[in-house]
Amino acid sequence: MYQVITIIHVLIAMAIVGLVLIQKGKGAEAGAGGFGGGSAASVFGARGSASFLSRTTSLLAVIFFSTSLLLAYLGSRQDNKQDIMDAPAAVQGGDLPQVKQDLPEPAKPATGK
């Protein structure tokens, strides 16, 4: 269940990014010609009815926040029986080579006399 919600969450995030990238900005129609015509009202005034893309983005944002909360809830309730600090103890006596306990004496430096 957790993995399915995570996959849905990532797909929704990618869809939101794609929808935001293909939408025109609020001031895109102002252009280089200044605020001539009716562009000033559209940049600084009310936008009117929302387009299909902005409504879809809003819906996906609500679903994204919902899946975020659901993943946080499921993650807090999940039993984490394996701790990162316990990992070396689980490997002990496994594939790791044994450490020599009796090390040889270090070599004495040769004198040049």
PDB file of N, CA and C in Angstrom:
ATOM      1  N   MET A   1       0.825  -1.191   0.000  1.00  0.00           N
ATOM      2  CA  MET A   1       0.000   0.000   0.000  1.00  0.00           C
ATOM      3  C   MET A   1       0.873   1.261   0.000  1.00  0.00           C
ATOM      4  N   TYR A   2       1.911   1.223   0.827  1.00  0.00           N
ATOM      5  CA  TYR A   2       2.803   2.376   0.946  1.00  0.00           C
ATOM      6  C   TYR A   2       3.503   2.656  -0.388  1.00  0.00           C
ATOM      7  N   GLN A   3       3.947   1.591  -1.068  1.00  0.00           N
ATOM      8  CA  GLN A   3       4.648   1.762  -2.328  1.00  0.00           C
ATOM      9  C   GLN A   3       3.720   2.292  -3.415  1.00  0.00           C
ATOM     10  N   VAL A   4       2.477   1.842  -3.424  1.00  0.00           N
ATOM     11  CA  VAL A   4       1.511   2.306  -4.428  1.00  0.00           C
ATOM     12  C   VAL A   4       1.243   3.795  -4.250  1.00  0.00           C
ATOM     13  N   ILE A   5       1.069   4.223  -3.006  1.00  0.00           N
ATOM     14  CA  ILE A   5       0.819   5.644  -2.749  1.00  0.00           C
ATOM     15  C   ILE A   5       2.051   6.465  -3.091  1.00  0.00           C
ATOM     16  N   THR A   6       3.234   5.924  -2.835  1.00  0.00           N
ATOM     17  CA  THR A   6       4.461   6.643  -3.185  1.00  0.00           C
ATOM     18  C   THR A   6       4.575   6.823  -4.698  1.00  0.00           C
ATOM     19  N   ILE A   7       4.241   5.801  -5.458  1.00  0.00           N
ATOM     20  CA  ILE A   7       4.292   5.901  -6.921  1.00  0.00           C
ATOM     21  C   ILE A   7       3.279   6.923  -7.420  1.00  0.00           C
ATOM     22  N   ILE A   8       2.069   6.893  -6.867  1.00  0.00           N
ATOM     23  CA  ILE A   8       1.045   7.880  -7.247  1.00  0.00           C
ATOM     24  C   ILE A   8       1.515   9.284  -6.896  1.00  0.00           C
ATOM     25  N   HIS A   9       2.135   9.430  -5.739  1.00  0.00           N
ATOM     26  CA  HIS A   9       2.633  10.726  -5.276  1.00  0.00           C
ATOM     27  C   HIS A   9       3.681  11.288  -6.244  1.00  0.00           C
ATOM     28  N   VAL A  10       4.605  10.451  -6.677  1.00  0.00           N
ATOM     29  CA  VAL A  10       5.649  10.896  -7.607  1.00  0.00           C
ATOM     30  C   VAL A  10       5.053  11.243  -8.965  1.00  0.00           C
ATOM     31  N   LEU A  11       4.107  10.443  -9.446  1.00  0.00           N
ATOM     32  CA  LEU A  11       3.475  10.742 -10.735  1.00  0.00           C
ATOM     33  C   LEU A  11       2.697  12.053 -10.694  1.00  0.00           C
ATOM     34  N   ILE A  12       2.022  12.313  -9.578  1.00  0.00           N
ATOM     35  CA  ILE A  12       1.291  13.575  -9.440  1.00  0.00           C
ATOM     36  C   ILE A  12       2.263  14.739  -9.406  1.00  0.00           C
ATOM     37  N   ALA A  13       3.392  14.569  -8.715  1.00  0.00           N
ATOM     38  CA  ALA A  13       4.389  15.638  -8.663  1.00  0.00           C
ATOM     39  C   ALA A  13       4.923  15.956 -10.056  1.00  0.00           C
ATOM     40  N   MET A  14       5.194  14.926 -10.854  1.00  0.00           N
ATOM     41  CA  MET A  14       5.679  15.161 -12.214  1.00  0.00           C
ATOM     42  C   MET A  14       4.603  15.823 -13.077  1.00  0.00           C
ATOM     43  N   ALA A  15       3.338  15.450 -12.876  1.00  0.00           N
ATOM     44  CA  ALA A  15       2.252  16.066 -13.634  1.00  0.00           C
ATOM     45  C   ALA A  15       2.100  17.537 -13.274  1.00  0.00           C
ATOM     46  N   ILE A  16       2.249  17.860 -11.991  1.00  0.00           N
ATOM     47  CA  ILE A  16       2.159  19.266 -11.574  1.00  0.00           C
ATOM     48  C   ILE A  16       3.280  20.074 -12.206  1.00  0.00           C
ATOM     49  N   VAL A  17       4.487  19.535 -12.193  1.00  0.00           N
ATOM     50  CA  VAL A  17       5.612  20.251 -12.807  1.00  0.00           C
ATOM     51  C   VAL A  17       5.352  20.474 -14.292  1.00  0.00           C
ATOM     52  N   GLY A  18       4.874  19.458 -14.976  1.00  0.00           N
ATOM     53  CA  GLY A  18       4.583  19.598 -16.403  1.00  0.00           C
ATOM     54  C   GLY A  18       3.496  20.622 -16.680  1.00  0.00           C
ATOM     55  N   LEU A  19       2.426  20.598 -15.880  1.00  0.00           N
ATOM     56  CA  LEU A  19       1.339  21.558 -16.098  1.00  0.00           C
ATOM     57  C   LEU A  19       1.778  22.984 -15.812  1.00  0.00           C
ATOM     58  N   VAL A  20       2.588  23.170 -14.798  1.00  0.00           N
ATOM     59  CA  VAL A  20       3.057  24.524 -14.480  1.00  0.00           C
ATOM     60  C   VAL A  20       3.970  25.032 -15.590  1.00  0.00           C
ATOM     61  N   LEU A  21       4.780  24.159 -16.147  1.00  0.00           N
ATOM     62  CA  LEU A  21       5.703  24.595 -17.197  1.00  0.00           C
ATOM     63  C   LEU A  21       4.995  24.966 -18.501  1.00  0.00           C
ATOM     64  N   ILE A  22       3.850  24.349 -18.807  1.00  0.00           N
ATOM     65  CA  ILE A  22       3.191  24.671 -20.074  1.00  0.00           C
ATOM     66  C   ILE A  22       2.202  25.830 -19.961  1.00  0.00           C
ATOM     67  N   GLN A  23       1.950  26.312 -18.749  1.00  0.00           N
ATOM     68  CA  GLN A  23       1.027  27.433 -18.597  1.00  0.00           C
ATOM     69  C   GLN A  23       1.734  28.756 -18.860  1.00  0.00           C
ATOM     70  N   LYS A  24       0.967  29.727 -19.351  1.00  0.00           N
ATOM     71  CA  LYS A  24       1.493  31.069 -19.549  1.00  0.00           C
ATOM     72  C   LYS A  24       1.528  31.789 -18.220  1.00  0.00           C
ATOM     73  N   GLY A  25       2.498  32.642 -18.059  1.00  0.00           N
ATOM     74  CA  GLY A  25       2.601  33.438 -16.841  1.00  0.00           C
ATOM     75  C   GLY A  25       1.528  34.507 -16.789  1.00  0.00           C
ATOM     76  N   LYS A  26       1.357  35.084 -15.597  1.00  0.00           N
ATOM     77  CA  LYS A  26       0.328  36.103 -15.415  1.00  0.00           C
ATOM     78  C   LYS A  26       0.616  37.349 -16.247  1.00  0.00           C
ATOM     79  N   GLY A  27       1.883  37.725 -16.367  1.00  0.00           N
ATOM     80  CA  GLY A  27       2.239  38.933 -17.098  1.00  0.00           C
ATOM     81  C   GLY A  27       2.739  38.668 -18.497  1.00  0.00           C
ATOM     82  N   ALA A  28       2.450  37.523 -19.062  1.00  0.00           N
ATOM     83  CA  ALA A  28       2.983  37.169 -20.374  1.00  0.00           C
ATOM     84  C   ALA A  28       2.400  38.035 -21.483  1.00  0.00           C
ATOM     85  N   GLU A  29       1.179  38.504 -21.314  1.00  0.00           N
ATOM     86  CA  GLU A  29       0.580  39.302 -22.381  1.00  0.00           C
ATOM     87  C   GLU A  29       0.948  40.776 -22.308  1.00  0.00           C
ATOM     88  N   ALA A  30       1.666  41.197 -21.273  1.00  0.00           N
ATOM     89  CA  ALA A  30       2.085  42.595 -21.171  1.00  0.00           C
ATOM     90  C   ALA A  30       3.094  42.922 -22.255  1.00  0.00           C
ATOM     91  N   GLY A  31       4.036  42.019 -22.498  1.00  0.00           N
ATOM     92  CA  GLY A  31       4.983  42.171 -23.595  1.00  0.00           C
ATOM     93  C   GLY A  31       5.917  43.342 -23.406  1.00  0.00           C
ATOM     94  N   ALA A  32       6.653  43.664 -24.461  1.00  0.00           N
ATOM     95  CA  ALA A  32       7.637  44.748 -24.403  1.00  0.00           C
ATOM     96  C   ALA A  32       7.008  46.084 -24.711  1.00  0.00           C
ATOM     97  N   GLY A  33       5.776  46.123 -25.138  1.00  0.00           N
ATOM     98  CA  GLY A  33       5.140  47.371 -25.550  1.00  0.00           C
ATOM     99  C   GLY A  33       4.568  48.177 -24.400  1.00  0.00           C
ATOM    100  N   GLY A  34       4.909  47.885 -23.200  1.00  0.00           N
ATOM    101  CA  GLY A  34       4.376  48.627 -22.070  1.00  0.00           C
ATOM    102  C   GLY A  34       3.013  48.105 -21.680  1.00  0.00           C
ATOM    103  N   PHE A  35       2.217  48.965 -21.075  1.00  0.00           N
ATOM    104  CA  PHE A  35       0.899  48.571 -20.600  1.00  0.00           C
ATOM    105  C   PHE A  35      -0.209  49.146 -21.483  1.00  0.00           C
ATOM    106  N   GLY A  36       0.030  49.214 -22.766  1.00  0.00           N
ATOM    107  CA  GLY A  36      -0.976  49.726 -23.686  1.00  0.00           C
ATOM    108  C   GLY A  36      -2.129  48.755 -23.855  1.00  0.00           C
ATOM    109  N   GLY A  37      -3.250  49.251 -24.233  1.00  0.00           N
ATOM    110  CA  GLY A  37      -4.418  48.405 -24.437  1.00  0.00           C
ATOM    111  C   GLY A  37      -5.007  47.961 -23.105  1.00  0.00           C
ATOM    112  N   GLY A  38      -5.436  46.742 -23.049  1.00  0.00           N
ATOM    113  CA  GLY A  38      -6.053  46.246 -21.821  1.00  0.00           C
ATOM    114  C   GLY A  38      -5.145  45.338 -21.019  1.00  0.00           C
ATOM    115  N   SER A  39      -3.867  45.382 -21.312  1.00  0.00           N
ATOM    116  CA  SER A  39      -2.965  44.443 -20.638  1.00  0.00           C
ATOM    117  C   SER A  39      -2.743  44.799 -19.177  1.00  0.00           C
ATOM    118  N   ALA A  40      -2.839  46.064 -18.802  1.00  0.00           N
ATOM    119  CA  ALA A  40      -2.607  46.442 -17.409  1.00  0.00           C
ATOM    120  C   ALA A  40      -3.672  45.837 -16.509  1.00  0.00           C
ATOM    121  N   ALA A  41      -4.888  45.797 -16.989  1.00  0.00           N
ATOM    122  CA  ALA A  41      -5.959  45.221 -16.181  1.00  0.00           C
ATOM    123  C   ALA A  41      -5.772  43.715 -16.017  1.00  0.00           C
ATOM    124  N   SER A  42      -5.235  43.079 -17.055  1.00  0.00           N
ATOM    125  CA  SER A  42      -5.071  41.632 -16.946  1.00  0.00           C
ATOM    126  C   SER A  42      -3.869  41.263 -16.080  1.00  0.00           C
ATOM    127  N   VAL A  43      -2.861  42.119 -16.023  1.00  0.00           N
ATOM    128  CA  VAL A  43      -1.684  41.818 -15.216  1.00  0.00           C
ATOM    129  C   VAL A  43      -1.963  42.089 -13.749  1.00  0.00           C
ATOM    130  N   PHE A  44      -2.541  43.236 -13.448  1.00  0.00           N
ATOM    131  CA  PHE A  44      -2.714  43.628 -12.052  1.00  0.00           C
ATOM    132  C   PHE A  44      -4.129  43.449 -11.530  1.00  0.00           C
ATOM    133  N   GLY A  45      -5.057  43.178 -12.401  1.00  0.00           N
ATOM    134  CA  GLY A  45      -6.446  43.050 -11.975  1.00  0.00           C
ATOM    135  C   GLY A  45      -6.873  41.608 -11.800  1.00  0.00           C
ATOM    136  N   ALA A  46      -8.183  41.419 -11.729  1.00  0.00           N
ATOM    137  CA  ALA A  46      -8.733  40.077 -11.573  1.00  0.00           C
ATOM    138  C   ALA A  46      -8.530  39.280 -12.857  1.00  0.00           C
ATOM    139  N   ARG A  47      -8.378  37.992 -12.707  1.00  0.00           N
ATOM    140  CA  ARG A  47      -8.093  37.152 -13.864  1.00  0.00           C
ATOM    141  C   ARG A  47      -9.345  36.648 -14.566  1.00  0.00           C
ATOM    142  N   GLY A  48     -10.460  36.692 -13.920  1.00  0.00           N
ATOM    143  CA  GLY A  48     -11.649  36.137 -14.539  1.00  0.00           C
ATOM    144  C   GLY A  48     -11.728  34.658 -14.247  1.00  0.00           C
ATOM    145  N   SER A  49     -12.321  33.916 -15.154  1.00  0.00           N
ATOM    146  CA  SER A  49     -12.478  32.485 -14.921  1.00  0.00           C
ATOM    147  C   SER A  49     -11.147  31.769 -15.124  1.00  0.00           C
ATOM    148  N   ALA A  50     -10.910  30.785 -14.307  1.00  0.00           N
ATOM    149  CA  ALA A  50      -9.672  30.025 -14.391  1.00  0.00           C
ATOM    150  C   ALA A  50      -9.726  29.081 -15.587  1.00  0.00           C
ATOM    151  N   SER A  51      -8.581  28.864 -16.183  1.00  0.00           N
ATOM    152  CA  SER A  51      -8.538  27.981 -17.349  1.00  0.00           C
ATOM    153  C   SER A  51      -8.529  26.519 -16.904  1.00  0.00           C
ATOM    154  N   PHE A  52      -8.655  25.641 -17.875  1.00  0.00           N
ATOM    155  CA  PHE A  52      -8.651  24.211 -17.601  1.00  0.00           C
ATOM    156  C   PHE A  52      -7.330  23.780 -16.965  1.00  0.00           C
ATOM    157  N   LEU A  53      -6.226  24.330 -17.462  1.00  0.00           N
ATOM    158  CA  LEU A  53      -4.915  23.950 -16.933  1.00  0.00           C
ATOM    159  C   LEU A  53      -4.747  24.381 -15.481  1.00  0.00           C
ATOM    160  N   SER A  54      -5.196  25.570 -15.134  1.00  0.00           N
ATOM    161  CA  SER A  54      -5.039  26.030 -13.748  1.00  0.00           C
ATOM    162  C   SER A  54      -5.956  25.256 -12.806  1.00  0.00           C
ATOM    163  N   ARG A  55      -7.144  24.899 -13.266  1.00  0.00           N
ATOM    164  CA  ARG A  55      -8.025  24.078 -12.425  1.00  0.00           C
ATOM    165  C   ARG A  55      -7.447  22.681 -12.222  1.00  0.00           C
ATOM    166  N   THR A  56      -6.890  22.117 -13.278  1.00  0.00           N
ATOM    167  CA  THR A  56      -6.268  20.803 -13.165  1.00  0.00           C
ATOM    168  C   THR A  56      -5.064  20.852 -12.235  1.00  0.00           C
ATOM    169  N   THR A  57      -4.274  21.923 -12.323  1.00  0.00           N
ATOM    170  CA  THR A  57      -3.130  22.082 -11.433  1.00  0.00           C
ATOM    171  C   THR A  57      -3.587  22.190  -9.981  1.00  0.00           C
ATOM    172  N   SER A  58      -4.659  22.921  -9.735  1.00  0.00           N
ATOM    173  CA  SER A  58      -5.175  23.050  -8.369  1.00  0.00           C
ATOM    174  C   SER A  58      -5.669  21.709  -7.840  1.00  0.00           C
ATOM    175  N   LEU A  59      -6.360  20.960  -8.674  1.00  0.00           N
ATOM    176  CA  LEU A  59      -6.848  19.639  -8.259  1.00  0.00           C
ATOM    177  C   LEU A  59      -5.690  18.702  -7.956  1.00  0.00           C
ATOM    178  N   LEU A  60      -4.674  18.701  -8.810  1.00  0.00           N
ATOM    179  CA  LEU A  60      -3.510  17.858  -8.569  1.00  0.00           C
ATOM    180  C   LEU A  60      -2.750  18.290  -7.321  1.00  0.00           C
ATOM    181  N   ALA A  61      -2.726  19.588  -7.041  1.00  0.00           N
ATOM    182  CA  ALA A  61      -2.069  20.067  -5.818  1.00  0.00           C
ATOM    183  C   ALA A  61      -2.792  19.568  -4.574  1.00  0.00           C
ATOM    184  N   VAL A  62      -4.110  19.566  -4.605  1.00  0.00           N
ATOM    185  CA  VAL A  62      -4.881  19.052  -3.468  1.00  0.00           C
ATOM    186  C   VAL A  62      -4.610  17.559  -3.282  1.00  0.00           C
ATOM    187  N   ILE A  63      -4.578  16.813  -4.372  1.00  0.00           N
ATOM    188  CA  ILE A  63      -4.291  15.382  -4.288  1.00  0.00           C
ATOM    189  C   ILE A  63      -2.861  15.156  -3.802  1.00  0.00           C
ATOM    190  N   PHE A  64      -1.925  15.989  -4.259  1.00  0.00           N
ATOM    191  CA  PHE A  64      -0.527  15.878  -3.830  1.00  0.00           C
ATOM    192  C   PHE A  64      -0.395  16.096  -2.328  1.00  0.00           C
ATOM    193  N   PHE A  65      -1.052  17.125  -1.793  1.00  0.00           N
ATOM    194  CA  PHE A  65      -0.990  17.377  -0.354  1.00  0.00           C
ATOM    195  C   PHE A  65      -1.661  16.244   0.423  1.00  0.00           C
ATOM    196  N   SER A  66      -2.737  15.704  -0.128  1.00  0.00           N
ATOM    197  CA  SER A  66      -3.412  14.589   0.544  1.00  0.00           C
ATOM    198  C   SER A  66      -2.521  13.349   0.600  1.00  0.00           C
ATOM    199  N   THR A  67      -1.861  13.038  -0.511  1.00  0.00           N
ATOM    200  CA  THR A  67      -0.964  11.883  -0.494  1.00  0.00           C
ATOM    201  C   THR A  67       0.251  12.139   0.398  1.00  0.00           C
ATOM    202  N   SER A  68       0.684  13.393   0.501  1.00  0.00           N
ATOM    203  CA  SER A  68       1.784  13.722   1.411  1.00  0.00           C
ATOM    204  C   SER A  68       1.399  13.422   2.847  1.00  0.00           C
ATOM    205  N   LEU A  69       0.215  13.866   3.237  1.00  0.00           N
ATOM    206  CA  LEU A  69      -0.253  13.609   4.601  1.00  0.00           C
ATOM    207  C   LEU A  69      -0.455  12.116   4.841  1.00  0.00           C
ATOM    208  N   LEU A  70      -1.000  11.421   3.861  1.00  0.00           N
ATOM    209  CA  LEU A  70      -1.220   9.982   4.006  1.00  0.00           C
ATOM    210  C   LEU A  70       0.103   9.224   4.121  1.00  0.00           C
ATOM    211  N   LEU A  71       1.098   9.611   3.335  1.00  0.00           N
ATOM    212  CA  LEU A  71       2.401   8.968   3.429  1.00  0.00           C
ATOM    213  C   LEU A  71       3.072   9.256   4.769  1.00  0.00           C
ATOM    214  N   ALA A  72       2.915  10.469   5.276  1.00  0.00           N
ATOM    215  CA  ALA A  72       3.480  10.798   6.588  1.00  0.00           C
ATOM    216  C   ALA A  72       2.810   9.981   7.681  1.00  0.00           C
ATOM    217  N   TYR A  73       1.508   9.824   7.586  1.00  0.00           N
ATOM    218  CA  TYR A  73       0.782   9.034   8.583  1.00  0.00           C
ATOM    219  C   TYR A  73       1.189   7.558   8.528  1.00  0.00           C
ATOM    220  N   LEU A  74       1.230   7.000   7.312  1.00  0.00           N
ATOM    221  CA  LEU A  74       1.609   5.599   7.172  1.00  0.00           C
ATOM    222  C   LEU A  74       3.063   5.363   7.567  1.00  0.00           C
ATOM    223  N   GLY A  75       3.922   6.320   7.291  1.00  0.00           N
ATOM    224  CA  GLY A  75       5.325   6.188   7.662  1.00  0.00           C
ATOM    225  C   GLY A  75       5.532   6.227   9.161  1.00  0.00           C
ATOM    226  N   SER A  76       4.716   6.996   9.866  1.00  0.00           N
ATOM    227  CA  SER A  76       4.861   7.071  11.322  1.00  0.00           C
ATOM    228  C   SER A  76       4.314   5.819  11.994  1.00  0.00           C
ATOM    229  N   ARG A  77       3.367   5.138  11.372  1.00  0.00           N
ATOM    230  CA  ARG A  77       2.782   3.934  11.962  1.00  0.00           C
ATOM    231  C   ARG A  77       3.507   2.658  11.553  1.00  0.00           C
ATOM    232  N   GLN A  78       4.407   2.760  10.608  1.00  0.00           N
ATOM    233  CA  GLN A  78       5.102   1.580  10.110  1.00  0.00           C
ATOM    234  C   GLN A  78       6.128   1.121  11.144  1.00  0.00           C
ATOM    235  N   ASP A  79       6.197  -0.199  11.382  1.00  0.00           N
ATOM    236  CA  ASP A  79       7.162  -0.754  12.326  1.00  0.00           C
ATOM    237  C   ASP A  79       8.542  -0.750  11.687  1.00  0.00           C
ATOM    238  N   ASN A  80       9.439  -0.036  12.298  1.00  0.00           N
ATOM    239  CA  ASN A  80      10.820  -0.007  11.823  1.00  0.00           C
ATOM    240  C   ASN A  80      11.640  -0.933  12.713  1.00  0.00           C
ATOM    241  N   LYS A  81      11.592  -2.228  12.405  1.00  0.00           N
ATOM    242  CA  LYS A  81      12.281  -3.208  13.228  1.00  0.00           C
ATOM    243  C   LYS A  81      13.779  -3.200  12.974  1.00  0.00           C
ATOM    244  N   GLN A  82      14.202  -2.788  11.807  1.00  0.00           N
ATOM    245  CA  GLN A  82      15.625  -2.747  11.516  1.00  0.00           C
ATOM    246  C   GLN A  82      16.113  -1.321  11.667  1.00  0.00           C
ATOM    247  N   ASP A  83      17.060  -1.150  12.555  1.00  0.00           N
ATOM    248  CA  ASP A  83      17.642   0.153  12.803  1.00  0.00           C
ATOM    249  C   ASP A  83      18.979   0.237  12.076  1.00  0.00           C
ATOM    250  N   ILE A  84      19.348   1.417  11.657  1.00  0.00           N
ATOM    251  CA  ILE A  84      20.615   1.588  10.953  1.00  0.00           C
ATOM    252  C   ILE A  84      21.778   1.202  11.858  1.00  0.00           C
ATOM    253  N   MET A  85      21.674   1.503  13.140  1.00  0.00           N
ATOM    254  CA  MET A  85      22.758   1.204  14.070  1.00  0.00           C
ATOM    255  C   MET A  85      22.899  -0.297  14.326  1.00  0.00           C
ATOM    256  N   ASP A  86      21.880  -1.079  14.043  1.00  0.00           N
ATOM    257  CA  ASP A  86      21.946  -2.522  14.251  1.00  0.00           C
ATOM    258  C   ASP A  86      22.508  -3.270  13.047  1.00  0.00           C
ATOM    259  N   ALA A  87      22.753  -2.597  11.943  1.00  0.00           N
ATOM    260  CA  ALA A  87      23.210  -3.267  10.725  1.00  0.00           C
ATOM    261  C   ALA A  87      24.551  -3.973  10.898  1.00  0.00           C
ATOM    262  N   PRO A  88      25.584  -3.383  11.525  1.00  0.00           N
ATOM    263  CA  PRO A  88      26.844  -4.126  11.680  1.00  0.00           C
ATOM    264  C   PRO A  88      26.682  -5.385  12.536  1.00  0.00           C
ATOM    265  N   ALA A  89      25.819  -5.370  13.543  1.00  0.00           N
ATOM    266  CA  ALA A  89      25.617  -6.550  14.375  1.00  0.00           C
ATOM    267  C   ALA A  89      24.971  -7.670  13.569  1.00  0.00           C
ATOM    268  N   ALA A  90      24.143  -7.348  12.608  1.00  0.00           N
ATOM    269  CA  ALA A  90      23.488  -8.366  11.794  1.00  0.00           C
ATOM    270  C   ALA A  90      24.474  -9.016  10.826  1.00  0.00           C
ATOM    271  N   VAL A  91      25.525  -8.303  10.432  1.00  0.00           N
ATOM    272  CA  VAL A  91      26.497  -8.815   9.479  1.00  0.00           C
ATOM    273  C   VAL A  91      27.597  -9.599  10.198  1.00  0.00           C
ATOM    274  N   GLN A  92      27.736  -9.420  11.484  1.00  0.00           N
ATOM    275  CA  GLN A  92      28.812 -10.042  12.252  1.00  0.00           C
ATOM    276  C   GLN A  92      28.805 -11.564  12.065  1.00  0.00           C
ATOM    277  N   GLY A  93      29.962 -12.117  11.758  1.00  0.00           N
ATOM    278  CA  GLY A  93      30.073 -13.539  11.523  1.00  0.00           C
ATOM    279  C   GLY A  93      29.594 -13.956  10.142  1.00  0.00           C
ATOM    280  N   GLY A  94      29.337 -12.994   9.286  1.00  0.00           N
ATOM    281  CA  GLY A  94      28.825 -13.296   7.951  1.00  0.00           C
ATOM    282  C   GLY A  94      29.940 -13.330   6.930  1.00  0.00           C
ATOM    283  N   ASP A  95      29.841 -12.512   5.908  1.00  0.00           N
ATOM    284  CA  ASP A  95      30.773 -12.522   4.795  1.00  0.00           C
ATOM    285  C   ASP A  95      32.041 -11.725   5.050  1.00  0.00           C
ATOM    286  N   LEU A  96      32.137 -11.017   6.151  1.00  0.00           N
ATOM    287  CA  LEU A  96      33.310 -10.195   6.410  1.00  0.00           C
ATOM    288  C   LEU A  96      34.488 -11.070   6.839  1.00  0.00           C
ATOM    289  N   PRO A  97      35.692 -10.710   6.430  1.00  0.00           N
ATOM    290  CA  PRO A  97      36.852 -11.499   6.856  1.00  0.00           C
ATOM    291  C   PRO A  97      37.127 -11.282   8.348  1.00  0.00           C
ATOM    292  N   GLN A  98      37.680 -12.303   8.966  1.00  0.00           N
ATOM    293  CA  GLN A  98      37.999 -12.218  10.385  1.00  0.00           C
ATOM    294  C   GLN A  98      39.202 -11.300  10.588  1.00  0.00           C
ATOM    295  N   VAL A  99      39.201 -10.555  11.669  1.00  0.00           N
ATOM    296  CA  VAL A  99      40.289  -9.648  12.001  1.00  0.00           C
ATOM    297  C   VAL A  99      41.302 -10.414  12.834  1.00  0.00           C
ATOM    298  N   LYS A 100      42.574 -10.281  12.484  1.00  0.00           N
ATOM    299  CA  LYS A 100      43.626 -10.947  13.263  1.00  0.00           C
ATOM    300  C   LYS A 100      43.761 -10.252  14.608  1.00  0.00           C
ATOM    301  N   GLN A 101      43.826 -11.046  15.644  1.00  0.00           N
ATOM    302  CA  GLN A 101      43.972 -10.478  16.982  1.00  0.00           C
ATOM    303  C   GLN A 101      45.438 -10.253  17.334  1.00  0.00           C
ATOM    304  N   ASP A 102      46.328 -11.146  16.897  1.00  0.00           N
ATOM    305  CA  ASP A 102      47.744 -10.996  17.235  1.00  0.00           C
ATOM    306  C   ASP A 102      48.483 -10.412  16.037  1.00  0.00           C
ATOM    307  N   LEU A 103      48.788  -9.143  16.134  1.00  0.00           N
ATOM    308  CA  LEU A 103      49.472  -8.444  15.054  1.00  0.00           C
ATOM    309  C   LEU A 103      50.978  -8.578  15.248  1.00  0.00           C
ATOM    310  N   PRO A 104      51.741  -8.656  14.180  1.00  0.00           N
ATOM    311  CA  PRO A 104      53.202  -8.754  14.327  1.00  0.00           C
ATOM    312  C   PRO A 104      53.791  -7.452  14.845  1.00  0.00           C
ATOM    313  N   GLU A 105      54.983  -7.571  15.406  1.00  0.00           N
ATOM    314  CA  GLU A 105      55.684  -6.378  15.894  1.00  0.00           C
ATOM    315  C   GLU A 105      56.027  -5.471  14.724  1.00  0.00           C
ATOM    316  N   PRO A 106      55.903  -4.158  14.921  1.00  0.00           N
ATOM    317  CA  PRO A 106      56.278  -3.262  13.839  1.00  0.00           C
ATOM    318  C   PRO A 106      57.776  -3.352  13.545  1.00  0.00           C
ATOM    319  N   ALA A 107      58.139  -3.198  12.293  1.00  0.00           N
ATOM    320  CA  ALA A 107      59.552  -3.274  11.892  1.00  0.00           C
ATOM    321  C   ALA A 107      60.315  -2.108  12.475  1.00  0.00           C
ATOM    322  N   LYS A 108      61.527  -2.394  12.955  1.00  0.00           N
ATOM    323  CA  LYS A 108      62.377  -1.346  13.516  1.00  0.00           C
ATOM    324  C   LYS A 108      63.080  -0.633  12.377  1.00  0.00           C
ATOM    325  N   PRO A 109      63.163   0.697  12.474  1.00  0.00           N
ATOM    326  CA  PRO A 109      63.829   1.424  11.384  1.00  0.00           C
ATOM    327  C   PRO A 109      65.330   1.086  11.354  1.00  0.00           C
ATOM    328  N   ALA A 110      65.840   0.964  10.154  1.00  0.00           N
ATOM    329  CA  ALA A 110      67.265   0.678   9.971  1.00  0.00           C
ATOM    330  C   ALA A 110      68.062   1.951  10.206  1.00  0.00           C
ATOM    331  N   THR A 111      69.149   1.800  10.911  1.00  0.00           N
ATOM    332  CA  THR A 111      70.012   2.964  11.140  1.00  0.00           C
ATOM    333  C   THR A 111      71.069   3.014  10.051  1.00  0.00           C
ATOM    334  N   GLY A 112      71.452   4.180   9.658  1.00  0.00           N
ATOM    335  CA  GLY A 112      72.406   4.353   8.550  1.00  0.00           C
ATOM    336  C   GLY A 112      73.844   4.337   9.008  1.00  0.00           C
ATOM    337  N   LYS A 113      74.208   3.942  10.219  1.00  0.00           N
ATOM    338  CA  LYS A 113      75.586   3.967  10.678  1.00  0.00           C
ATOM    339  C   LYS A 113      76.320   2.740  10.375  1.00  0.00           C
TER     340      LYS A 113
END
